Each structure stands twice: as C-alpha cells, then as structure tokens.
Amino acid sequence: MGVIYLLHFEQPISDKHTAQHYIGYAYHLSSRIQQHLKGRGARLTQVAKERGIPFVIARTWRGDRTFERILKRRKNATKRLCPICRRQPPAGQLTLDLQDEDLL
C-alpha cells in the first residue's frame, strides 16, 4: 500500500491548459515529491518547474493504484478534492469567520 497525493499548482499551467492539479501515486512520498521538484516527475510537474510555477501537496490518501485510477477518472473532480480550492483549513486548525455579523 502506498500514498495517493494531490498537488495544487499556484496558477494554471498556461492559458490553453488550465490544469491546476495533479494526482499521483508513490510508495515513498518524499522521494517522489523530490523528483517532481527537480523536474524529473510527471510531465505536468516538469512544465510547472520550467515555467516557475510552484506547487504544494494539498491532500494525501492511503491506497493503491486502483484507488488512484478511481480518483483520476473522476473528471473535473480535483477542485472538489482540493482543500486549497475549497478554502478549507488544515485539519485541527481553529478558524474564525469574520463575516459573521454576531462577531462584529
């Protein structure tokens, strides 16, 4: 069993290719991320590195390649899976909604 990970790019890769996420699989997440950061990972992360577009690990799941395929087949679902795009705080972080009229 390995780790499925979701990368979130700071901006779309280009005007024509608006991809802002990448789902991948690794047995050793840290070494796989190092490959991506050095431009030796997936083609999408190579292009991001060439264009100076930073990315972060937005989410991880324990699973196998079958589960990775299930996530990848969910077309246009990456924004719904991404806590950054959904503006969700990290688990365990306390937040305060300043737009709540009761608090102002």
N, C-alpha and C. Protein backbone atom coordinates (compact mmCIF):
# COMPACT_ATOMS: atom_id res chain seq x y z
N MET A 1 0.85 -1.18 0.00
CA MET A 1 0.00 0.00 0.00
C MET A 1 0.89 1.23 0.00
N GLY A 2 0.49 2.22 -0.77
CA GLY A 2 1.26 3.45 -0.88
C GLY A 2 0.42 4.66 -0.55
N VAL A 3 0.79 5.78 -1.15
CA VAL A 3 0.13 7.05 -0.90
C VAL A 3 -0.31 7.65 -2.24
N ILE A 4 -1.54 8.08 -2.31
CA ILE A 4 -2.03 8.86 -3.44
C ILE A 4 -1.96 10.31 -2.98
N TYR A 5 -1.46 11.19 -3.84
CA TYR A 5 -1.29 12.58 -3.44
C TYR A 5 -1.88 13.51 -4.49
N LEU A 6 -2.34 14.65 -4.02
CA LEU A 6 -2.90 15.68 -4.89
C LEU A 6 -2.00 16.90 -4.80
N LEU A 7 -1.43 17.29 -5.92
CA LEU A 7 -0.62 18.50 -5.98
C LEU A 7 -1.50 19.66 -6.46
N HIS A 8 -1.32 20.81 -5.85
CA HIS A 8 -2.04 22.02 -6.23
C HIS A 8 -1.02 23.02 -6.75
N PHE A 9 -1.19 23.47 -7.99
CA PHE A 9 -0.30 24.46 -8.59
C PHE A 9 -0.81 25.86 -8.25
N GLU A 10 0.12 26.77 -7.99
CA GLU A 10 -0.24 28.13 -7.59
C GLU A 10 -1.07 28.85 -8.66
N GLN A 11 -0.85 28.48 -9.90
CA GLN A 11 -1.61 29.08 -11.01
C GLN A 11 -1.74 28.04 -12.11
N PRO A 12 -2.67 28.26 -13.05
CA PRO A 12 -2.79 27.30 -14.16
C PRO A 12 -1.49 27.21 -14.95
N ILE A 13 -1.27 26.07 -15.58
CA ILE A 13 -0.04 25.82 -16.33
C ILE A 13 0.10 26.78 -17.52
N SER A 14 -1.00 27.08 -18.20
CA SER A 14 -0.98 28.04 -19.30
C SER A 14 -2.41 28.52 -19.55
N ASP A 15 -2.56 29.45 -20.48
CA ASP A 15 -3.90 29.92 -20.84
C ASP A 15 -4.70 28.82 -21.52
N LYS A 16 -4.03 28.01 -22.33
CA LYS A 16 -4.71 26.93 -23.06
C LYS A 16 -4.95 25.71 -22.18
N HIS A 17 -4.00 25.40 -21.32
CA HIS A 17 -4.09 24.23 -20.45
C HIS A 17 -4.25 24.72 -19.02
N THR A 18 -5.49 24.78 -18.58
CA THR A 18 -5.78 25.39 -17.29
C THR A 18 -5.62 24.43 -16.11
N ALA A 19 -4.93 23.32 -16.33
CA ALA A 19 -4.73 22.35 -15.25
C ALA A 19 -4.05 23.03 -14.06
N GLN A 20 -4.59 22.77 -12.89
CA GLN A 20 -4.01 23.34 -11.69
C GLN A 20 -3.79 22.27 -10.62
N HIS A 21 -3.99 20.99 -11.02
CA HIS A 21 -3.85 19.88 -10.08
C HIS A 21 -3.21 18.68 -10.76
N TYR A 22 -2.59 17.86 -9.94
CA TYR A 22 -2.03 16.60 -10.42
C TYR A 22 -2.25 15.55 -9.34
N ILE A 23 -2.76 14.39 -9.72
CA ILE A 23 -2.92 13.27 -8.80
C ILE A 23 -1.88 12.23 -9.16
N GLY A 24 -1.13 11.78 -8.15
CA GLY A 24 -0.10 10.78 -8.38
C GLY A 24 -0.09 9.73 -7.28
N TYR A 25 0.78 8.74 -7.46
CA TYR A 25 0.89 7.63 -6.53
C TYR A 25 2.36 7.39 -6.23
N ALA A 26 2.66 7.04 -5.00
CA ALA A 26 4.05 6.73 -4.64
C ALA A 26 4.09 5.80 -3.44
N TYR A 27 5.13 4.96 -3.41
CA TYR A 27 5.39 4.16 -2.21
C TYR A 27 6.10 5.03 -1.18
N HIS A 28 7.01 5.88 -1.65
CA HIS A 28 7.78 6.78 -0.79
C HIS A 28 7.50 8.21 -1.25
N LEU A 29 6.56 8.85 -0.58
CA LEU A 29 6.09 10.17 -1.00
C LEU A 29 7.21 11.20 -1.04
N SER A 30 8.06 11.24 -0.04
CA SER A 30 9.09 12.28 0.00
C SER A 30 10.05 12.19 -1.20
N SER A 31 10.46 10.98 -1.57
CA SER A 31 11.37 10.87 -2.71
C SER A 31 10.65 11.19 -4.02
N ARG A 32 9.38 10.84 -4.12
CA ARG A 32 8.63 11.15 -5.34
C ARG A 32 8.43 12.66 -5.49
N ILE A 33 8.15 13.34 -4.39
CA ILE A 33 7.99 14.79 -4.44
C ILE A 33 9.31 15.45 -4.82
N GLN A 34 10.42 14.92 -4.32
CA GLN A 34 11.73 15.45 -4.71
C GLN A 34 11.93 15.34 -6.22
N GLN A 35 11.50 14.23 -6.81
CA GLN A 35 11.60 14.08 -8.27
C GLN A 35 10.80 15.18 -8.96
N HIS A 36 9.56 15.40 -8.49
CA HIS A 36 8.73 16.46 -9.09
C HIS A 36 9.41 17.81 -8.96
N LEU A 37 9.95 18.12 -7.78
CA LEU A 37 10.58 19.42 -7.55
C LEU A 37 11.82 19.63 -8.42
N LYS A 38 12.51 18.55 -8.76
CA LYS A 38 13.70 18.65 -9.60
C LYS A 38 13.38 18.60 -11.09
N GLY A 39 12.10 18.48 -11.44
CA GLY A 39 11.72 18.45 -12.85
C GLY A 39 11.86 17.08 -13.47
N ARG A 40 11.92 16.04 -12.65
CA ARG A 40 12.05 14.68 -13.17
C ARG A 40 10.83 13.82 -12.86
N GLY A 41 9.73 14.46 -12.55
CA GLY A 41 8.50 13.73 -12.25
C GLY A 41 7.60 13.65 -13.47
N ALA A 42 6.33 13.76 -13.26
CA ALA A 42 5.35 13.73 -14.35
C ALA A 42 5.54 14.92 -15.27
N ARG A 43 5.12 14.79 -16.50
CA ARG A 43 5.29 15.86 -17.48
C ARG A 43 4.65 17.17 -17.00
N LEU A 44 3.50 17.09 -16.36
CA LEU A 44 2.83 18.29 -15.88
C LEU A 44 3.68 19.04 -14.84
N THR A 45 4.32 18.31 -13.95
CA THR A 45 5.17 18.97 -12.96
C THR A 45 6.48 19.46 -13.59
N GLN A 46 6.94 18.80 -14.64
CA GLN A 46 8.12 19.28 -15.37
C GLN A 46 7.82 20.64 -15.99
N VAL A 47 6.65 20.76 -16.61
CA VAL A 47 6.25 22.03 -17.23
C VAL A 47 6.09 23.10 -16.16
N ALA A 48 5.50 22.76 -15.03
CA ALA A 48 5.36 23.73 -13.94
C ALA A 48 6.73 24.24 -13.50
N LYS A 49 7.69 23.34 -13.35
CA LYS A 49 9.04 23.74 -12.95
C LYS A 49 9.67 24.64 -14.00
N GLU A 50 9.54 24.26 -15.28
CA GLU A 50 10.10 25.07 -16.37
C GLU A 50 9.53 26.48 -16.37
N ARG A 51 8.27 26.61 -16.01
CA ARG A 51 7.60 27.92 -16.04
C ARG A 51 7.64 28.63 -14.70
N GLY A 52 8.30 28.03 -13.73
CA GLY A 52 8.42 28.67 -12.42
C GLY A 52 7.14 28.70 -11.61
N ILE A 53 6.27 27.72 -11.83
CA ILE A 53 5.00 27.66 -11.11
C ILE A 53 5.16 26.75 -9.90
N PRO A 54 5.07 27.32 -8.70
CA PRO A 54 5.22 26.48 -7.51
C PRO A 54 3.98 25.61 -7.27
N PHE A 55 4.19 24.52 -6.54
CA PHE A 55 3.07 23.66 -6.18
C PHE A 55 3.28 23.11 -4.78
N VAL A 56 2.18 22.67 -4.18
CA VAL A 56 2.22 22.11 -2.83
C VAL A 56 1.42 20.81 -2.82
N ILE A 57 1.70 19.99 -1.82
CA ILE A 57 0.88 18.79 -1.61
C ILE A 57 -0.37 19.27 -0.89
N ALA A 58 -1.51 19.16 -1.56
CA ALA A 58 -2.76 19.65 -0.99
C ALA A 58 -3.46 18.59 -0.15
N ARG A 59 -3.28 17.32 -0.53
CA ARG A 59 -4.00 16.26 0.17
C ARG A 59 -3.35 14.92 -0.13
N THR A 60 -3.48 13.99 0.79
CA THR A 60 -2.99 12.63 0.58
C THR A 60 -4.04 11.62 1.05
N TRP A 61 -3.96 10.43 0.47
CA TRP A 61 -4.81 9.31 0.85
C TRP A 61 -3.93 8.07 0.91
N ARG A 62 -4.20 7.16 1.81
CA ARG A 62 -3.57 5.84 1.80
C ARG A 62 -4.33 5.01 0.79
N GLY A 63 -3.62 4.28 -0.04
CA GLY A 63 -4.32 3.47 -1.02
C GLY A 63 -3.37 2.83 -2.01
N ASP A 64 -3.96 2.26 -3.04
CA ASP A 64 -3.18 1.60 -4.08
C ASP A 64 -3.47 2.25 -5.43
N ARG A 65 -2.88 1.70 -6.47
CA ARG A 65 -3.05 2.27 -7.80
C ARG A 65 -4.49 2.21 -8.30
N THR A 66 -5.23 1.22 -7.81
CA THR A 66 -6.65 1.14 -8.19
C THR A 66 -7.40 2.36 -7.68
N PHE A 67 -7.14 2.74 -6.45
CA PHE A 67 -7.79 3.93 -5.89
C PHE A 67 -7.33 5.19 -6.61
N GLU A 68 -6.05 5.24 -6.98
CA GLU A 68 -5.54 6.38 -7.76
C GLU A 68 -6.31 6.50 -9.07
N ARG A 69 -6.51 5.38 -9.76
CA ARG A 69 -7.26 5.38 -11.02
C ARG A 69 -8.69 5.88 -10.82
N ILE A 70 -9.31 5.46 -9.72
CA ILE A 70 -10.68 5.90 -9.43
C ILE A 70 -10.71 7.42 -9.29
N LEU A 71 -9.75 7.98 -8.56
CA LEU A 71 -9.70 9.43 -8.39
C LEU A 71 -9.43 10.14 -9.71
N LYS A 72 -8.52 9.60 -10.52
CA LYS A 72 -8.18 10.23 -11.80
C LYS A 72 -9.34 10.17 -12.79
N ARG A 73 -10.14 9.13 -12.71
CA ARG A 73 -11.28 9.00 -13.63
C ARG A 73 -12.42 9.96 -13.30
N ARG A 74 -12.40 10.49 -12.12
CA ARG A 74 -13.43 11.46 -11.73
C ARG A 74 -13.08 12.79 -12.36
N LYS A 75 -13.38 12.93 -13.62
CA LYS A 75 -13.03 14.13 -14.38
C LYS A 75 -13.55 15.39 -13.69
N ASN A 76 -12.73 16.41 -13.70
CA ASN A 76 -13.06 17.71 -13.11
C ASN A 76 -13.41 17.63 -11.63
N ALA A 77 -12.99 16.59 -10.96
CA ALA A 77 -13.29 16.44 -9.54
C ALA A 77 -12.16 16.96 -8.66
N THR A 78 -11.01 17.27 -9.25
CA THR A 78 -9.86 17.63 -8.42
C THR A 78 -10.12 18.90 -7.61
N LYS A 79 -10.86 19.85 -8.15
CA LYS A 79 -11.16 21.05 -7.38
C LYS A 79 -12.01 20.72 -6.16
N ARG A 80 -12.88 19.75 -6.30
CA ARG A 80 -13.71 19.34 -5.16
C ARG A 80 -12.90 18.54 -4.15
N LEU A 81 -11.84 17.91 -4.59
CA LEU A 81 -10.98 17.14 -3.70
C LEU A 81 -9.92 18.00 -3.03
N CYS A 82 -9.67 19.18 -3.58
CA CYS A 82 -8.58 20.04 -3.12
C CYS A 82 -9.04 20.98 -2.00
N PRO A 83 -8.47 20.84 -0.79
CA PRO A 83 -8.86 21.74 0.30
C PRO A 83 -8.44 23.19 0.06
N ILE A 84 -7.42 23.41 -0.75
CA ILE A 84 -6.99 24.78 -1.07
C ILE A 84 -8.05 25.46 -1.93
N CYS A 85 -8.53 24.78 -2.95
CA CYS A 85 -9.55 25.35 -3.82
C CYS A 85 -10.88 25.52 -3.09
N ARG A 86 -11.15 24.61 -2.17
CA ARG A 86 -12.39 24.69 -1.40
C ARG A 86 -12.25 25.63 -0.21
N ARG A 87 -11.04 26.16 -0.04
CA ARG A 87 -10.72 27.08 1.05
C ARG A 87 -11.02 26.48 2.40
N GLN A 88 -10.62 25.23 2.57
CA GLN A 88 -10.78 24.55 3.84
C GLN A 88 -9.47 24.63 4.61
N PRO A 89 -9.54 24.94 5.88
CA PRO A 89 -8.31 24.98 6.68
C PRO A 89 -7.79 23.58 6.94
N PRO A 90 -6.51 23.46 7.25
CA PRO A 90 -5.96 22.15 7.61
C PRO A 90 -6.71 21.56 8.80
N ALA A 91 -6.79 20.25 8.85
CA ALA A 91 -7.48 19.59 9.96
C ALA A 91 -6.88 20.01 11.29
N GLY A 92 -7.71 20.30 12.24
CA GLY A 92 -7.24 20.68 13.56
C GLY A 92 -6.98 22.16 13.74
N GLN A 93 -7.05 22.95 12.66
CA GLN A 93 -6.78 24.38 12.77
C GLN A 93 -8.08 25.10 13.15
N LEU A 94 -8.01 25.93 14.18
CA LEU A 94 -9.17 26.72 14.57
C LEU A 94 -9.32 27.91 13.63
N THR A 95 -10.55 28.21 13.25
CA THR A 95 -10.78 29.33 12.36
C THR A 95 -11.89 30.20 12.92
N LEU A 96 -11.96 31.43 12.45
CA LEU A 96 -12.98 32.37 12.85
C LEU A 96 -13.47 33.06 11.59
N ASP A 97 -14.75 32.99 11.33
CA ASP A 97 -15.33 33.63 10.16
C ASP A 97 -15.67 35.06 10.53
N LEU A 98 -14.88 36.01 10.06
CA LEU A 98 -15.06 37.42 10.41
C LEU A 98 -16.26 38.05 9.72
N GLN A 99 -16.88 37.34 8.83
CA GLN A 99 -18.06 37.88 8.16
C GLN A 99 -19.33 37.58 8.95
N ASP A 100 -19.22 36.87 10.02
CA ASP A 100 -20.36 36.56 10.87
C ASP A 100 -20.74 37.82 11.63
N GLU A 101 -21.96 38.35 11.40
CA GLU A 101 -22.40 39.61 11.98
C GLU A 101 -22.41 39.57 13.50
N ASP A 102 -22.62 38.41 14.11
CA ASP A 102 -22.65 38.30 15.56
C ASP A 102 -21.30 38.59 16.18
N LEU A 103 -20.24 38.45 15.41
CA LEU A 103 -18.90 38.64 15.95
C LEU A 103 -18.39 40.05 15.75
N LEU A 104 -19.05 40.85 14.94
CA LEU A 104 -18.57 42.21 14.66
C LEU A 104 -19.11 43.23 15.63
